[in-house]
């Protein structure tokens, strides 16, 4: 019995294998491969991307994290009454505000 796999399925499978190989090479070169793996794999696009795609995913994830942290800092700034803490929050808010638009 001959195996009848469609060419599209074969190419998609090959693409996934190549993407996984690219991911493994990236993870191996990081300081914390486990963290890198879990962060990049949290985005479903990572299953079928090349190195450039991984870069875009990393930028998207970093931007999301920066925005989330900035939003939390802003909430803390509005509810805190401690002047010393408020001063430190102000510094963090300035730093994150600059990063949000890079």
N, C-alpha and C. Protein backbone atom coordinates (compact mmCIF):
# COMPACT_ATOMS: atom_id res chain seq x y z
N UNK A 1 0.84 -1.16 0.00
CA UNK A 1 0.00 0.00 0.00
C UNK A 1 0.89 1.24 0.00
N UNK A 2 0.71 2.12 -0.93
CA UNK A 2 1.53 3.32 -1.07
C UNK A 2 1.02 4.40 -0.12
N UNK A 3 1.98 5.13 0.43
CA UNK A 3 1.63 6.25 1.31
C UNK A 3 1.28 7.45 0.43
N UNK A 4 0.13 8.03 0.64
CA UNK A 4 -0.34 9.11 -0.21
C UNK A 4 -0.45 10.40 0.62
N UNK A 5 0.69 11.05 0.85
CA UNK A 5 0.72 12.29 1.61
C UNK A 5 0.72 13.46 0.63
N UNK A 6 -0.15 14.39 0.87
CA UNK A 6 -0.22 15.53 -0.03
C UNK A 6 1.04 16.38 0.12
N UNK A 7 1.48 17.01 -0.98
CA UNK A 7 2.69 17.86 -0.93
C UNK A 7 2.56 19.01 0.06
N UNK A 8 1.38 19.56 0.23
CA UNK A 8 1.19 20.67 1.16
C UNK A 8 1.42 20.20 2.59
N UNK A 9 0.88 19.03 2.93
CA UNK A 9 1.07 18.49 4.26
C UNK A 9 2.56 18.24 4.52
N UNK A 10 3.24 17.70 3.54
CA UNK A 10 4.67 17.43 3.67
C UNK A 10 5.44 18.72 3.90
N UNK A 11 5.14 19.77 3.13
CA UNK A 11 5.84 21.04 3.29
C UNK A 11 5.55 21.68 4.64
N UNK A 12 4.31 21.58 5.11
CA UNK A 12 3.98 22.12 6.43
C UNK A 12 4.73 21.36 7.53
N UNK A 13 4.81 20.07 7.40
CA UNK A 13 5.54 19.27 8.37
C UNK A 13 7.02 19.63 8.39
N UNK A 14 7.58 19.79 7.20
CA UNK A 14 8.99 20.17 7.08
C UNK A 14 9.21 21.55 7.69
N UNK A 15 8.29 22.47 7.47
CA UNK A 15 8.37 23.80 8.03
C UNK A 15 8.38 23.76 9.55
N UNK A 16 7.54 22.93 10.14
CA UNK A 16 7.48 22.81 11.59
C UNK A 16 8.77 22.24 12.15
N UNK A 17 9.35 21.26 11.46
CA UNK A 17 10.61 20.67 11.89
C UNK A 17 11.71 21.72 11.82
N UNK A 18 11.74 22.50 10.74
CA UNK A 18 12.76 23.54 10.60
C UNK A 18 12.55 24.62 11.66
N UNK A 19 11.31 24.98 11.96
CA UNK A 19 11.04 25.98 12.99
C UNK A 19 11.49 25.48 14.35
N UNK A 20 11.21 24.21 14.65
CA UNK A 20 11.63 23.65 15.94
C UNK A 20 13.14 23.63 16.04
N UNK A 21 13.83 23.31 14.95
CA UNK A 21 15.29 23.30 14.94
C UNK A 21 15.82 24.71 15.19
N UNK A 22 15.20 25.71 14.58
CA UNK A 22 15.61 27.10 14.79
C UNK A 22 15.41 27.49 16.25
N UNK A 23 14.29 27.10 16.82
CA UNK A 23 14.01 27.41 18.23
C UNK A 23 15.05 26.77 19.14
N UNK A 24 15.36 25.51 18.90
CA UNK A 24 16.33 24.82 19.74
C UNK A 24 17.71 25.48 19.68
N UNK A 25 18.09 25.97 18.52
CA UNK A 25 19.37 26.66 18.39
C UNK A 25 19.37 27.97 19.17
N UNK A 26 18.25 28.68 19.14
CA UNK A 26 18.15 29.93 19.88
C UNK A 26 18.18 29.66 21.37
N UNK A 27 17.39 28.70 21.84
CA UNK A 27 17.34 28.40 23.27
C UNK A 27 18.72 28.03 23.80
N UNK A 28 19.44 27.21 23.06
CA UNK A 28 20.74 26.73 23.51
C UNK A 28 21.75 27.86 23.70
N UNK A 29 21.57 28.97 23.02
CA UNK A 29 22.53 30.08 23.10
C UNK A 29 22.16 31.12 24.15
N UNK A 30 21.11 30.89 24.91
CA UNK A 30 20.69 31.87 25.91
C UNK A 30 21.23 31.51 27.29
N UNK A 31 21.18 32.48 28.19
CA UNK A 31 21.64 32.26 29.55
C UNK A 31 20.69 31.32 30.29
N UNK A 32 19.39 31.44 29.99
CA UNK A 32 18.38 30.62 30.66
C UNK A 32 17.49 29.97 29.61
N UNK A 33 17.94 28.86 29.03
CA UNK A 33 17.17 28.22 27.96
C UNK A 33 15.74 27.85 28.34
N UNK A 34 15.52 27.42 29.58
CA UNK A 34 14.18 27.04 30.00
C UNK A 34 13.21 28.22 29.98
N UNK A 35 13.68 29.36 30.46
CA UNK A 35 12.85 30.56 30.44
C UNK A 35 12.58 31.00 29.01
N UNK A 36 13.62 31.00 28.19
CA UNK A 36 13.49 31.39 26.79
C UNK A 36 12.48 30.48 26.09
N UNK A 37 12.60 29.18 26.33
CA UNK A 37 11.69 28.22 25.72
C UNK A 37 10.25 28.51 26.12
N UNK A 38 10.01 28.68 27.42
CA UNK A 38 8.63 28.86 27.88
C UNK A 38 8.04 30.18 27.39
N UNK A 39 8.85 31.24 27.34
CA UNK A 39 8.35 32.53 26.89
C UNK A 39 8.03 32.51 25.40
N UNK A 40 8.97 32.06 24.60
CA UNK A 40 8.73 32.07 23.15
C UNK A 40 7.65 31.06 22.75
N UNK A 41 7.60 29.92 23.41
CA UNK A 41 6.59 28.92 23.07
C UNK A 41 5.19 29.34 23.53
N UNK A 42 5.12 30.35 24.40
CA UNK A 42 3.80 30.82 24.84
C UNK A 42 3.04 31.50 23.71
N UNK A 43 3.76 31.87 22.67
CA UNK A 43 3.14 32.47 21.49
C UNK A 43 3.00 31.39 20.43
N UNK A 44 1.78 31.14 20.01
CA UNK A 44 1.54 30.03 19.06
C UNK A 44 2.25 30.22 17.72
N UNK A 45 2.63 31.46 17.40
CA UNK A 45 3.34 31.70 16.14
C UNK A 45 4.72 31.05 16.13
N UNK A 46 5.27 30.79 17.31
CA UNK A 46 6.63 30.26 17.38
C UNK A 46 6.76 28.87 16.77
N UNK A 47 5.65 28.17 16.57
CA UNK A 47 5.71 26.82 16.01
C UNK A 47 6.11 26.82 14.54
N UNK A 48 5.96 27.95 13.86
CA UNK A 48 6.22 27.94 12.41
C UNK A 48 7.01 29.16 11.93
N UNK A 49 7.92 29.68 12.76
CA UNK A 49 8.66 30.87 12.35
C UNK A 49 10.16 30.59 12.20
N UNK A 50 10.81 31.54 11.54
CA UNK A 50 12.26 31.50 11.42
C UNK A 50 12.85 32.45 12.46
N UNK A 51 14.16 32.74 12.33
CA UNK A 51 14.82 33.61 13.30
C UNK A 51 14.19 35.01 13.33
N UNK A 52 13.87 35.54 12.18
CA UNK A 52 13.24 36.86 12.12
C UNK A 52 11.90 36.84 12.84
N UNK A 53 11.13 35.80 12.61
CA UNK A 53 9.85 35.66 13.28
C UNK A 53 10.00 35.59 14.79
N UNK A 54 11.04 34.88 15.26
CA UNK A 54 11.29 34.82 16.70
C UNK A 54 11.60 36.22 17.25
N UNK A 55 12.31 37.01 16.46
CA UNK A 55 12.61 38.38 16.86
C UNK A 55 11.34 39.19 17.02
N UNK A 56 10.44 39.07 16.06
CA UNK A 56 9.16 39.79 16.15
C UNK A 56 8.35 39.33 17.37
N UNK A 57 8.36 38.03 17.62
CA UNK A 57 7.63 37.51 18.77
C UNK A 57 8.24 38.08 20.06
N UNK A 58 9.57 38.08 20.15
CA UNK A 58 10.23 38.61 21.34
C UNK A 58 9.89 40.09 21.54
N UNK A 59 9.87 40.85 20.47
CA UNK A 59 9.51 42.27 20.56
C UNK A 59 8.07 42.43 21.02
N UNK A 60 7.17 41.66 20.45
CA UNK A 60 5.76 41.72 20.85
C UNK A 60 5.58 41.39 22.33
N UNK A 61 6.26 40.33 22.78
CA UNK A 61 6.14 39.92 24.18
C UNK A 61 6.75 40.97 25.12
N UNK A 62 7.88 41.55 24.73
CA UNK A 62 8.50 42.59 25.55
C UNK A 62 7.61 43.82 25.63
N UNK A 63 7.05 44.21 24.50
CA UNK A 63 6.16 45.38 24.47
C UNK A 63 4.94 45.15 25.37
N UNK A 64 4.38 43.97 25.30
CA UNK A 64 3.23 43.63 26.13
C UNK A 64 3.60 43.68 27.61
N UNK A 65 4.75 43.16 27.96
CA UNK A 65 5.20 43.15 29.34
C UNK A 65 5.45 44.57 29.85
N UNK A 66 6.07 45.39 29.01
CA UNK A 66 6.33 46.79 29.38
C UNK A 66 5.03 47.53 29.62
N UNK A 67 4.09 47.36 28.73
CA UNK A 67 2.79 48.04 28.86
C UNK A 67 2.07 47.59 30.12
N UNK A 68 2.07 46.29 30.39
CA UNK A 68 1.41 45.75 31.57
C UNK A 68 2.05 46.30 32.85
N UNK A 69 3.38 46.31 32.88
CA UNK A 69 4.08 46.82 34.06
C UNK A 69 3.81 48.31 34.25
N UNK A 70 3.84 49.07 33.17
CA UNK A 70 3.56 50.50 33.23
C UNK A 70 2.15 50.74 33.80
N UNK A 71 1.18 50.00 33.31
CA UNK A 71 -0.19 50.15 33.79
C UNK A 71 -0.29 49.86 35.30
N UNK A 72 0.41 48.83 35.77
CA UNK A 72 0.41 48.50 37.19
C UNK A 72 1.08 49.60 38.01
N UNK A 73 2.17 50.15 37.49
CA UNK A 73 2.85 51.25 38.18
C UNK A 73 1.93 52.46 38.31
N UNK A 74 1.17 52.74 37.26
CA UNK A 74 0.27 53.88 37.30
C UNK A 74 -0.83 53.69 38.35
N UNK A 75 -1.33 52.47 38.47
CA UNK A 75 -2.33 52.18 39.50
C UNK A 75 -1.72 52.36 40.89
N UNK A 76 -0.53 51.80 41.08
CA UNK A 76 0.14 51.94 42.38
C UNK A 76 0.38 53.41 42.72
N UNK A 77 0.74 54.19 41.73
CA UNK A 77 1.02 55.61 41.94
C UNK A 77 -0.23 56.36 42.41
N UNK A 78 -1.38 55.95 41.92
CA UNK A 78 -2.61 56.65 42.31
C UNK A 78 -3.10 56.25 43.70
N UNK A 79 -2.73 55.06 44.17
CA UNK A 79 -3.25 54.60 45.46
C UNK A 79 -2.26 54.75 46.62
N UNK A 80 -0.98 54.93 46.33
CA UNK A 80 0.00 55.01 47.42
C UNK A 80 -0.02 56.38 48.08
N UNK A 81 0.22 56.36 49.39
CA UNK A 81 0.27 57.60 50.16
C UNK A 81 1.67 57.86 50.73
N UNK A 82 2.52 56.86 50.65
CA UNK A 82 3.87 56.96 51.19
C UNK A 82 4.72 57.81 50.23
N UNK A 83 5.22 58.98 50.70
CA UNK A 83 5.98 59.87 49.81
C UNK A 83 7.26 59.24 49.26
N UNK A 84 7.95 58.45 50.09
CA UNK A 84 9.17 57.79 49.62
C UNK A 84 8.88 56.77 48.53
N UNK A 85 7.85 55.98 48.75
CA UNK A 85 7.45 54.98 47.76
C UNK A 85 6.97 55.65 46.48
N UNK A 86 6.23 56.74 46.65
CA UNK A 86 5.72 57.50 45.50
C UNK A 86 6.88 58.04 44.66
N UNK A 87 7.94 58.49 45.33
CA UNK A 87 9.12 58.99 44.62
C UNK A 87 9.77 57.89 43.79
N UNK A 88 9.92 56.71 44.38
CA UNK A 88 10.50 55.57 43.65
C UNK A 88 9.60 55.13 42.49
N UNK A 89 8.31 55.13 42.74
CA UNK A 89 7.37 54.80 41.67
C UNK A 89 7.50 55.79 40.51
N UNK A 90 7.66 57.07 40.86
CA UNK A 90 7.81 58.10 39.83
C UNK A 90 9.01 57.82 38.93
N UNK A 91 10.11 57.38 39.54
CA UNK A 91 11.30 57.04 38.75
C UNK A 91 11.00 55.86 37.81
N UNK A 92 10.36 54.83 38.35
CA UNK A 92 10.02 53.66 37.53
C UNK A 92 9.07 54.04 36.40
N UNK A 93 8.09 54.87 36.72
CA UNK A 93 7.12 55.29 35.71
C UNK A 93 7.82 56.03 34.58
N UNK A 94 8.77 56.90 34.92
CA UNK A 94 9.52 57.62 33.87
C UNK A 94 10.27 56.64 32.98
N UNK A 95 10.93 55.66 33.58
CA UNK A 95 11.71 54.70 32.80
C UNK A 95 10.81 53.86 31.89
N UNK A 96 9.71 53.38 32.44
CA UNK A 96 8.80 52.57 31.63
C UNK A 96 8.08 53.40 30.58
N UNK A 97 7.81 54.65 30.89
CA UNK A 97 7.17 55.53 29.92
C UNK A 97 8.06 55.69 28.68
N UNK A 98 9.35 55.82 28.90
CA UNK A 98 10.28 55.94 27.77
C UNK A 98 10.31 54.66 26.95
N UNK A 99 10.28 53.53 27.62
CA UNK A 99 10.37 52.24 26.92
C UNK A 99 9.12 51.90 26.12
N UNK A 100 7.99 52.40 26.54
CA UNK A 100 6.73 52.05 25.86
C UNK A 100 6.72 52.46 24.41
N UNK A 101 7.47 53.47 24.05
CA UNK A 101 7.38 54.02 22.70
C UNK A 101 8.61 53.73 21.85
N UNK A 102 9.44 52.82 22.26
CA UNK A 102 10.63 52.47 21.48
C UNK A 102 10.27 51.62 20.29
